């Protein structure tokens, strides 16, 4: 049974689900920072997913990064799995701008998080809704 790490639950907004991954928005409005979490139990490393799920996770990550780059007009997309604090496998997909507060360095621990308002999250959902794949389901009003 899939259970999401409590830190991910506490630090993000739920956006919706791809076929494999839950899509979250990091509660830091300094950057459009999304997180994909495969809905599989007990997985901390990409290589622990079976071959099909590995390919699906890469496909979802790539599709999301491509959409985010277009929708948000990114200068650069940062994609990474780290897991040093949260061991549950999750993929960061972060929209970066040359004018963002951490450019050109990493976003981790550079600046205090600026939480989103519910209205801001709804606006982001609205921006993504028309361009995401038809297999994607949105989570209305959940945090």
N, C-alpha and C. Protein backbone atom coordinates (compact mmCIF):
# COMPACT_ATOMS: atom_id res chain seq x y z
N UNK A 1 0.84 -1.19 0.00
CA UNK A 1 0.00 0.00 0.00
C UNK A 1 0.88 1.25 0.00
N UNK A 2 0.61 2.17 -0.92
CA UNK A 2 1.39 3.39 -1.05
C UNK A 2 1.02 4.38 0.06
N UNK A 3 2.05 4.85 0.77
CA UNK A 3 1.90 5.89 1.78
C UNK A 3 2.98 6.92 1.50
N UNK A 4 2.58 8.17 1.39
CA UNK A 4 3.55 9.22 1.12
C UNK A 4 4.22 9.67 2.41
N UNK A 5 5.51 9.92 2.34
CA UNK A 5 6.29 10.40 3.47
C UNK A 5 5.62 11.65 4.05
N UNK A 6 5.57 11.75 5.37
CA UNK A 6 4.88 12.87 6.02
C UNK A 6 5.53 14.21 5.68
N UNK A 7 6.82 14.24 5.51
CA UNK A 7 7.47 15.52 5.17
C UNK A 7 7.02 16.01 3.80
N UNK A 8 6.89 15.09 2.86
CA UNK A 8 6.38 15.49 1.54
C UNK A 8 4.95 16.01 1.66
N UNK A 9 4.15 15.34 2.47
CA UNK A 9 2.76 15.79 2.67
C UNK A 9 2.70 17.18 3.28
N UNK A 10 3.57 17.44 4.24
CA UNK A 10 3.54 18.71 4.99
C UNK A 10 4.11 19.88 4.19
N UNK A 11 5.04 19.62 3.27
CA UNK A 11 5.76 20.69 2.58
C UNK A 11 5.28 20.93 1.15
N UNK A 12 4.15 20.32 0.76
CA UNK A 12 3.72 20.42 -0.63
C UNK A 12 2.21 20.60 -0.73
N UNK A 13 1.80 20.97 -1.92
CA UNK A 13 0.39 20.98 -2.32
C UNK A 13 0.18 19.82 -3.28
N UNK A 14 -0.88 19.08 -3.11
CA UNK A 14 -1.23 18.01 -4.04
C UNK A 14 -1.84 18.61 -5.29
N UNK A 15 -1.26 18.27 -6.44
CA UNK A 15 -1.75 18.78 -7.72
C UNK A 15 -2.59 17.71 -8.42
N UNK A 16 -2.12 16.46 -8.44
CA UNK A 16 -2.87 15.40 -9.10
C UNK A 16 -2.02 14.16 -9.28
N UNK A 17 -2.44 13.30 -10.19
CA UNK A 17 -1.76 12.03 -10.42
C UNK A 17 -1.55 11.76 -11.89
N UNK A 18 -0.36 11.31 -12.22
CA UNK A 18 -0.07 10.68 -13.49
C UNK A 18 -0.36 9.19 -13.30
N UNK A 19 -0.25 8.38 -14.34
CA UNK A 19 -0.50 6.94 -14.15
C UNK A 19 0.38 6.31 -13.06
N UNK A 20 1.64 6.72 -12.93
CA UNK A 20 2.52 6.16 -11.90
C UNK A 20 2.70 7.11 -10.72
N UNK A 21 2.94 8.35 -11.00
CA UNK A 21 3.39 9.29 -9.97
C UNK A 21 2.32 10.25 -9.49
N UNK A 22 2.40 10.56 -8.21
CA UNK A 22 1.64 11.67 -7.64
C UNK A 22 2.43 12.94 -7.92
N UNK A 23 1.73 13.99 -8.36
CA UNK A 23 2.37 15.27 -8.65
C UNK A 23 2.08 16.24 -7.52
N UNK A 24 3.16 16.78 -6.95
CA UNK A 24 3.09 17.73 -5.85
C UNK A 24 3.74 19.03 -6.27
N UNK A 25 3.34 20.11 -5.62
CA UNK A 25 3.96 21.42 -5.79
C UNK A 25 4.61 21.77 -4.46
N UNK A 26 5.92 21.98 -4.47
CA UNK A 26 6.62 22.38 -3.26
C UNK A 26 6.06 23.71 -2.79
N UNK A 27 5.84 23.84 -1.49
CA UNK A 27 5.24 25.06 -0.95
C UNK A 27 6.29 26.15 -0.79
N UNK A 28 6.93 26.49 -1.92
CA UNK A 28 7.94 27.54 -1.96
C UNK A 28 7.77 28.32 -3.26
N UNK A 29 7.14 29.47 -3.16
CA UNK A 29 6.84 30.25 -4.36
C UNK A 29 8.05 30.99 -4.93
N UNK A 30 9.23 30.77 -4.36
CA UNK A 30 10.44 31.31 -4.98
C UNK A 30 10.67 30.71 -6.36
N UNK A 31 10.18 29.49 -6.56
CA UNK A 31 10.40 28.76 -7.81
C UNK A 31 9.17 27.89 -8.07
N UNK A 32 8.76 27.71 -9.34
CA UNK A 32 7.79 26.66 -9.64
C UNK A 32 8.51 25.31 -9.49
N UNK A 33 8.30 24.66 -8.37
CA UNK A 33 9.08 23.48 -7.96
C UNK A 33 8.11 22.33 -7.77
N UNK A 34 8.17 21.36 -8.67
CA UNK A 34 7.25 20.23 -8.65
C UNK A 34 7.99 18.97 -8.23
N UNK A 35 7.25 18.03 -7.68
CA UNK A 35 7.82 16.78 -7.19
C UNK A 35 6.93 15.63 -7.66
N UNK A 36 7.55 14.65 -8.28
CA UNK A 36 6.84 13.43 -8.69
C UNK A 36 7.21 12.31 -7.73
N UNK A 37 6.19 11.63 -7.18
CA UNK A 37 6.41 10.53 -6.25
C UNK A 37 5.72 9.29 -6.80
N UNK A 38 6.49 8.25 -7.18
CA UNK A 38 5.83 7.05 -7.69
C UNK A 38 4.99 6.39 -6.59
N UNK A 39 3.79 6.01 -6.94
CA UNK A 39 2.89 5.40 -5.96
C UNK A 39 3.20 3.90 -5.84
N UNK A 40 4.35 3.64 -5.27
CA UNK A 40 4.82 2.28 -5.02
C UNK A 40 5.35 2.22 -3.60
N UNK A 41 5.08 1.14 -2.92
CA UNK A 41 5.48 0.99 -1.52
C UNK A 41 6.95 0.63 -1.40
N UNK A 42 7.62 1.25 -0.43
CA UNK A 42 8.96 0.85 -0.03
C UNK A 42 10.06 1.12 -1.03
N UNK A 43 9.90 2.12 -1.90
CA UNK A 43 10.90 2.41 -2.92
C UNK A 43 11.67 3.67 -2.52
N UNK A 44 13.00 3.54 -2.46
CA UNK A 44 13.82 4.70 -2.15
C UNK A 44 14.79 5.04 -3.28
N UNK A 45 14.94 4.17 -4.24
CA UNK A 45 15.89 4.38 -5.34
C UNK A 45 15.22 4.07 -6.66
N UNK A 46 15.59 4.80 -7.69
CA UNK A 46 15.01 4.60 -9.01
C UNK A 46 15.19 3.17 -9.50
N UNK A 47 16.35 2.59 -9.24
CA UNK A 47 16.63 1.23 -9.73
C UNK A 47 15.78 0.16 -9.03
N UNK A 48 15.10 0.51 -7.94
CA UNK A 48 14.23 -0.46 -7.26
C UNK A 48 12.88 -0.62 -7.97
N UNK A 49 12.55 0.32 -8.84
CA UNK A 49 11.34 0.17 -9.64
C UNK A 49 11.57 -0.90 -10.69
N UNK A 50 10.51 -1.64 -11.06
CA UNK A 50 10.68 -2.60 -12.15
C UNK A 50 10.90 -1.83 -13.46
N UNK A 51 11.31 -2.54 -14.50
CA UNK A 51 11.67 -1.89 -15.77
C UNK A 51 10.54 -1.02 -16.32
N UNK A 52 9.33 -1.53 -16.28
CA UNK A 52 8.18 -0.78 -16.78
C UNK A 52 7.99 0.52 -16.00
N UNK A 53 8.03 0.43 -14.68
CA UNK A 53 7.84 1.62 -13.85
C UNK A 53 8.99 2.62 -14.00
N UNK A 54 10.22 2.12 -14.20
CA UNK A 54 11.34 3.03 -14.46
C UNK A 54 11.08 3.85 -15.72
N UNK A 55 10.67 3.16 -16.76
CA UNK A 55 10.40 3.86 -18.03
C UNK A 55 9.24 4.83 -17.88
N UNK A 56 8.20 4.41 -17.17
CA UNK A 56 7.05 5.27 -16.96
C UNK A 56 7.43 6.51 -16.16
N UNK A 57 8.27 6.34 -15.14
CA UNK A 57 8.69 7.49 -14.34
C UNK A 57 9.49 8.47 -15.19
N UNK A 58 10.40 7.97 -16.03
CA UNK A 58 11.16 8.86 -16.91
C UNK A 58 10.24 9.55 -17.90
N UNK A 59 9.26 8.81 -18.44
CA UNK A 59 8.31 9.41 -19.39
C UNK A 59 7.51 10.52 -18.72
N UNK A 60 7.03 10.28 -17.51
CA UNK A 60 6.26 11.30 -16.80
C UNK A 60 7.13 12.50 -16.44
N UNK A 61 8.35 12.24 -16.02
CA UNK A 61 9.29 13.32 -15.68
C UNK A 61 9.58 14.18 -16.90
N UNK A 62 9.87 13.54 -18.01
CA UNK A 62 10.20 14.25 -19.24
C UNK A 62 9.00 15.06 -19.74
N UNK A 63 7.83 14.45 -19.74
CA UNK A 63 6.62 15.15 -20.18
C UNK A 63 6.34 16.36 -19.29
N UNK A 64 6.46 16.18 -17.99
CA UNK A 64 6.23 17.28 -17.06
C UNK A 64 7.24 18.40 -17.29
N UNK A 65 8.52 18.07 -17.39
CA UNK A 65 9.55 19.09 -17.60
C UNK A 65 9.31 19.87 -18.88
N UNK A 66 8.92 19.18 -19.93
CA UNK A 66 8.66 19.82 -21.21
C UNK A 66 7.48 20.80 -21.10
N UNK A 67 6.41 20.37 -20.46
CA UNK A 67 5.24 21.23 -20.27
C UNK A 67 5.59 22.43 -19.40
N UNK A 68 6.31 22.19 -18.30
CA UNK A 68 6.65 23.29 -17.39
C UNK A 68 7.55 24.32 -18.07
N UNK A 69 8.50 23.85 -18.87
CA UNK A 69 9.40 24.78 -19.57
C UNK A 69 8.59 25.70 -20.47
N UNK A 70 7.63 25.13 -21.16
CA UNK A 70 6.79 25.92 -22.08
C UNK A 70 5.84 26.84 -21.31
N UNK A 71 5.11 26.30 -20.36
CA UNK A 71 4.09 27.06 -19.65
C UNK A 71 4.68 28.18 -18.81
N UNK A 72 5.80 27.92 -18.15
CA UNK A 72 6.40 28.90 -17.27
C UNK A 72 7.54 29.70 -17.92
N UNK A 73 7.87 29.38 -19.18
CA UNK A 73 8.93 30.12 -19.87
C UNK A 73 10.28 30.01 -19.18
N UNK A 74 10.64 28.80 -18.77
CA UNK A 74 11.87 28.57 -18.02
C UNK A 74 13.11 28.87 -18.84
N UNK A 75 14.13 29.38 -18.15
CA UNK A 75 15.46 29.49 -18.76
C UNK A 75 16.17 28.14 -18.71
N UNK A 76 15.88 27.36 -17.66
CA UNK A 76 16.51 26.05 -17.45
C UNK A 76 15.60 25.20 -16.59
N UNK A 77 15.57 23.92 -16.85
CA UNK A 77 14.84 22.98 -16.00
C UNK A 77 15.83 22.18 -15.18
N UNK A 78 15.62 22.10 -13.88
CA UNK A 78 16.44 21.26 -13.01
C UNK A 78 15.63 20.01 -12.67
N UNK A 79 16.20 18.85 -12.92
CA UNK A 79 15.55 17.57 -12.65
C UNK A 79 16.52 16.73 -11.83
N UNK A 80 16.04 16.23 -10.67
CA UNK A 80 16.96 15.48 -9.81
C UNK A 80 16.22 14.62 -8.80
N UNK A 81 16.86 13.52 -8.43
CA UNK A 81 16.45 12.75 -7.26
C UNK A 81 17.61 12.84 -6.27
N UNK A 82 17.30 13.18 -5.05
CA UNK A 82 18.34 13.26 -4.04
C UNK A 82 18.03 12.30 -2.90
N UNK A 83 17.00 12.58 -2.13
CA UNK A 83 16.57 11.67 -1.09
C UNK A 83 17.44 11.61 0.13
N UNK A 84 18.24 12.63 0.38
CA UNK A 84 19.06 12.62 1.58
C UNK A 84 18.25 12.93 2.83
N UNK A 85 17.20 13.72 2.71
CA UNK A 85 16.33 14.05 3.84
C UNK A 85 15.10 13.17 3.84
N UNK A 86 14.45 13.05 2.67
CA UNK A 86 13.28 12.18 2.51
C UNK A 86 13.73 10.99 1.67
N UNK A 87 13.77 9.82 2.27
CA UNK A 87 14.31 8.67 1.54
C UNK A 87 13.35 8.10 0.51
N UNK A 88 12.06 8.34 0.64
CA UNK A 88 11.10 7.85 -0.34
C UNK A 88 11.46 8.44 -1.71
N UNK A 89 11.49 7.58 -2.74
CA UNK A 89 11.84 8.03 -4.08
C UNK A 89 10.92 9.16 -4.52
N UNK A 90 11.54 10.26 -4.93
CA UNK A 90 10.79 11.39 -5.49
C UNK A 90 11.71 12.14 -6.44
N UNK A 91 11.12 12.68 -7.49
CA UNK A 91 11.85 13.39 -8.53
C UNK A 91 11.48 14.87 -8.47
N UNK A 92 12.49 15.73 -8.30
CA UNK A 92 12.29 17.17 -8.32
C UNK A 92 12.33 17.65 -9.77
N UNK A 93 11.36 18.46 -10.15
CA UNK A 93 11.32 19.08 -11.47
C UNK A 93 11.09 20.56 -11.22
N UNK A 94 12.17 21.35 -11.36
CA UNK A 94 12.16 22.74 -10.91
C UNK A 94 12.38 23.68 -12.09
N UNK A 95 11.47 24.65 -12.21
CA UNK A 95 11.59 25.69 -13.22
C UNK A 95 12.58 26.73 -12.71
N UNK A 96 13.60 27.02 -13.51
CA UNK A 96 14.61 28.00 -13.09
C UNK A 96 14.66 29.16 -14.07
N UNK A 97 14.93 30.33 -13.50
CA UNK A 97 15.09 31.57 -14.26
C UNK A 97 16.43 32.20 -13.88
N UNK A 98 17.05 32.85 -14.82
CA UNK A 98 18.30 33.54 -14.51
C UNK A 98 18.08 34.64 -13.48
N UNK A 99 16.85 35.08 -13.32
CA UNK A 99 16.54 36.13 -12.34
C UNK A 99 16.01 35.58 -11.01
N UNK A 100 15.98 34.24 -10.84
CA UNK A 100 15.45 33.73 -9.56
C UNK A 100 16.46 33.96 -8.43
N UNK A 101 15.98 33.87 -7.21
CA UNK A 101 16.79 34.27 -6.04
C UNK A 101 18.04 33.41 -5.82
N UNK A 102 18.07 32.22 -6.36
CA UNK A 102 19.22 31.33 -6.13
C UNK A 102 20.12 31.17 -7.36
N UNK A 103 19.72 31.71 -8.50
CA UNK A 103 20.49 31.51 -9.74
C UNK A 103 21.92 31.99 -9.57
N UNK A 104 22.90 31.28 -10.06
CA UNK A 104 22.85 30.02 -10.79
C UNK A 104 23.01 28.81 -9.88
N UNK A 105 23.01 29.02 -8.58
CA UNK A 105 23.22 27.92 -7.64
C UNK A 105 21.99 27.04 -7.46
N UNK A 106 22.13 26.01 -6.63
CA UNK A 106 21.00 25.13 -6.34
C UNK A 106 19.95 25.84 -5.49
N UNK A 107 18.72 25.35 -5.52
CA UNK A 107 17.63 25.97 -4.76
C UNK A 107 17.60 25.52 -3.31
N UNK A 108 18.21 24.37 -3.00
CA UNK A 108 18.12 23.80 -1.67
C UNK A 108 18.82 24.66 -0.64
N UNK A 109 18.08 25.06 0.38
CA UNK A 109 18.65 25.73 1.53
C UNK A 109 19.23 27.11 1.28
N UNK A 110 18.96 27.71 0.15
CA UNK A 110 19.55 29.00 -0.17
C UNK A 110 18.74 30.16 0.41
N UNK A 111 17.43 30.04 0.36
CA UNK A 111 16.55 31.13 0.79
C UNK A 111 15.36 30.54 1.52
N UNK A 112 14.82 31.28 2.50
CA UNK A 112 13.63 30.77 3.19
C UNK A 112 12.48 30.57 2.20
N UNK A 113 11.73 29.52 2.42
CA UNK A 113 10.58 29.25 1.56
C UNK A 113 9.54 30.35 1.72
N UNK A 114 8.93 30.73 0.60
CA UNK A 114 7.81 31.67 0.59
C UNK A 114 6.56 30.86 0.25
N UNK A 115 5.74 30.52 1.27
CA UNK A 115 4.58 29.67 1.02
C UNK A 115 3.60 30.27 0.00
N UNK A 116 2.96 29.39 -0.74
CA UNK A 116 1.90 29.77 -1.67
C UNK A 116 0.61 30.02 -0.91
N UNK A 117 -0.24 30.84 -1.47
CA UNK A 117 -1.62 30.94 -1.00
C UNK A 117 -2.44 29.91 -1.77
N UNK A 118 -3.59 29.58 -1.27
CA UNK A 118 -4.47 28.65 -1.98
C UNK A 118 -4.81 29.20 -3.37
N UNK A 119 -5.04 30.50 -3.49
CA UNK A 119 -5.35 31.10 -4.78
C UNK A 119 -4.20 30.95 -5.77
N UNK A 120 -2.97 31.09 -5.30
CA UNK A 120 -1.81 30.91 -6.18
C UNK A 120 -1.72 29.47 -6.69
N UNK A 121 -1.99 28.52 -5.79
CA UNK A 121 -1.95 27.11 -6.19
C UNK A 121 -3.04 26.82 -7.21
N UNK A 122 -4.22 27.35 -6.98
CA UNK A 122 -5.32 27.17 -7.94
C UNK A 122 -4.95 27.76 -9.31
N UNK A 123 -4.28 28.90 -9.31
CA UNK A 123 -3.86 29.52 -10.56
C UNK A 123 -2.84 28.64 -11.30
N UNK A 124 -1.93 28.02 -10.55
CA UNK A 124 -0.96 27.10 -11.17
C UNK A 124 -1.68 25.90 -11.75
N UNK A 125 -2.62 25.33 -11.01
CA UNK A 125 -3.40 24.21 -11.54
C UNK A 125 -4.11 24.61 -12.82
N UNK A 126 -4.69 25.81 -12.83
CA UNK A 126 -5.39 26.29 -14.02
C UNK A 126 -4.44 26.45 -15.20
N UNK A 127 -3.23 26.91 -14.96
CA UNK A 127 -2.24 27.08 -16.03
C UNK A 127 -1.83 25.74 -16.63
N UNK A 128 -1.76 24.71 -15.80
CA UNK A 128 -1.30 23.40 -16.28
C UNK A 128 -2.41 22.56 -16.89
N UNK A 129 -3.62 22.75 -16.44
CA UNK A 129 -4.72 21.88 -16.83
C UNK A 129 -4.88 21.71 -18.35
N UNK A 130 -4.86 22.79 -19.15
CA UNK A 130 -5.09 22.60 -20.59
C UNK A 130 -3.96 21.89 -21.33
N UNK A 131 -2.76 21.88 -20.78
CA UNK A 131 -1.63 21.36 -21.54
C UNK A 131 -1.14 20.00 -21.09
N UNK A 132 -1.63 19.51 -19.98
CA UNK A 132 -1.17 18.20 -19.51
C UNK A 132 -1.95 17.09 -20.20
N UNK A 133 -1.33 15.95 -20.24
CA UNK A 133 -1.87 14.78 -20.90
C UNK A 133 -3.27 14.43 -20.39
N UNK A 134 -4.11 13.90 -21.23
CA UNK A 134 -5.49 13.55 -20.87
C UNK A 134 -5.54 12.49 -19.78
N UNK A 135 -4.48 11.70 -19.60
CA UNK A 135 -4.45 10.69 -18.55
C UNK A 135 -4.15 11.24 -17.16
N UNK A 136 -3.92 12.51 -17.10
CA UNK A 136 -3.58 13.18 -15.84
C UNK A 136 -4.86 13.61 -15.14
N UNK A 137 -4.98 13.34 -13.84
CA UNK A 137 -6.16 13.77 -13.10
C UNK A 137 -5.75 14.80 -12.08
N UNK A 138 -6.53 15.87 -11.98
CA UNK A 138 -6.25 16.96 -11.05
C UNK A 138 -6.97 16.74 -9.74
N UNK A 139 -6.36 17.19 -8.69
CA UNK A 139 -6.94 17.12 -7.37
C UNK A 139 -7.47 18.50 -7.02
N UNK A 140 -8.76 18.68 -7.09
CA UNK A 140 -9.37 19.99 -6.87
C UNK A 140 -9.42 20.31 -5.39
N UNK A 141 -8.84 21.44 -5.03
CA UNK A 141 -8.99 21.97 -3.67
C UNK A 141 -8.27 21.25 -2.56
N UNK A 142 -7.45 20.24 -2.86
CA UNK A 142 -6.73 19.54 -1.79
C UNK A 142 -5.38 20.19 -1.57
N UNK A 143 -4.88 20.04 -0.36
CA UNK A 143 -3.55 20.57 -0.09
C UNK A 143 -2.68 19.46 0.48
